[in-house]
Structures are given as C-alpha cells and as structure tokens.
C-alpha cells in the first residue's frame, strides 16, 4: 500500500512552486497524519509528491529527512 503525501505552503510563500512545500515544511499536521496512517495501514509506504519543485533534489532530500523523523 502506498500513501501519496504532499504539503501546502503557508499563504504567500513558495509562490514560485505554485504554493506547494517540501513535505514536513508546510502547514499540514504531519505528526497526526503519519500516526493515523501507521494505525490504519502500518505497512504503508509514504510517497512524497510535489507538483512544481524549484529544486527536485532539495525536495527529495528534505521530504525524506522530515518523514524519517516522524
């Protein structure tokens, strides 16, 4: 099972990335969301997504690091 995850930037930020943020740096409550996923589908893989990253390498590195820390 894969759960696709995205993060929304705070209003007025990341406008060059269409308002999306690296996973874990935006406005979504990742601690609560990952706890729910772990409870409902403990075997699920989290798949980080971003529609328009200005730096794909940074997006992957930061998102993976943030998800691992949850």
Protein backbone atom coordinates (compact mmCIF):
# COMPACT_ATOMS: atom_id res chain seq x y z
CA UNK A 1 0.00 0.00 0.00
CA UNK A 2 1.30 3.45 -0.88
CA UNK A 3 0.07 6.72 0.55
CA UNK A 4 0.89 9.75 -1.57
CA UNK A 5 1.68 12.81 0.55
CA UNK A 6 2.02 16.49 -0.33
CA UNK A 7 2.40 19.61 1.78
CA UNK A 8 0.86 23.04 1.33
CA UNK A 9 2.99 26.13 1.88
CA UNK A 10 1.89 28.93 4.16
CA UNK A 11 -0.07 31.64 2.32
CA UNK A 12 2.22 33.99 0.43
CA UNK A 13 5.18 31.59 0.41
CA UNK A 14 6.54 29.20 -2.21
CA UNK A 15 4.72 31.10 -4.93
CA UNK A 16 7.39 30.01 -7.44
CA UNK A 17 6.36 26.43 -6.59
CA UNK A 18 2.61 27.06 -7.01
CA UNK A 19 2.06 27.12 -3.24
CA UNK A 20 3.41 23.61 -2.59
CA UNK A 21 6.04 22.90 0.05
CA UNK A 22 8.54 20.15 0.75
CA UNK A 23 6.81 17.50 2.88
CA UNK A 24 7.11 18.49 6.52
CA UNK A 25 7.84 22.18 5.90
CA UNK A 26 4.35 23.40 5.12
CA UNK A 27 1.11 23.73 7.03
CA UNK A 28 -0.14 20.15 7.36
CA UNK A 29 -0.03 18.37 10.77
CA UNK A 30 2.36 15.57 9.80
CA UNK A 31 2.66 14.05 13.26
CA UNK A 32 -1.11 13.48 13.38
CA UNK A 33 -1.33 12.32 9.77
CA UNK A 34 1.50 9.81 9.96
CA UNK A 35 0.15 8.45 13.26
CA UNK A 36 -3.19 7.84 11.53
CA UNK A 37 -1.54 6.11 8.57
CA UNK A 38 0.55 3.91 10.90
CA UNK A 39 -2.57 2.93 12.84
CA UNK A 40 -4.74 2.19 9.79
CA UNK A 41 -2.12 0.74 7.44
CA UNK A 42 1.15 0.09 9.29
CA UNK A 43 2.76 -1.45 6.20
CA UNK A 44 2.04 1.61 4.02
CA UNK A 45 4.87 3.40 2.25
CA UNK A 46 4.70 7.18 2.21
CA UNK A 47 5.31 8.56 -1.28
CA UNK A 48 6.28 12.24 -1.26
CA UNK A 49 4.90 14.39 -4.07
CA UNK A 50 5.33 17.98 -5.23
CA UNK A 51 3.74 19.39 -8.37
CA UNK A 52 6.34 22.04 -9.14
CA UNK A 53 9.56 21.89 -7.07
CA UNK A 54 12.09 24.56 -7.97
CA UNK A 55 14.83 22.14 -6.84
CA UNK A 56 13.80 18.46 -7.12
CA UNK A 57 16.92 17.23 -5.29
CA UNK A 58 16.20 19.53 -2.32
CA UNK A 59 12.55 18.45 -2.30
CA UNK A 60 13.51 14.77 -2.14
CA UNK A 61 16.23 15.25 0.48
CA UNK A 62 14.18 17.47 2.79
CA UNK A 63 10.97 15.47 2.44
CA UNK A 64 12.68 12.14 3.10
CA UNK A 65 14.50 13.54 6.13
CA UNK A 66 11.30 15.03 7.56
CA UNK A 67 9.29 11.83 7.04
CA UNK A 68 12.02 9.73 8.66
CA UNK A 69 11.93 11.95 11.75
CA UNK A 70 8.20 11.38 12.31
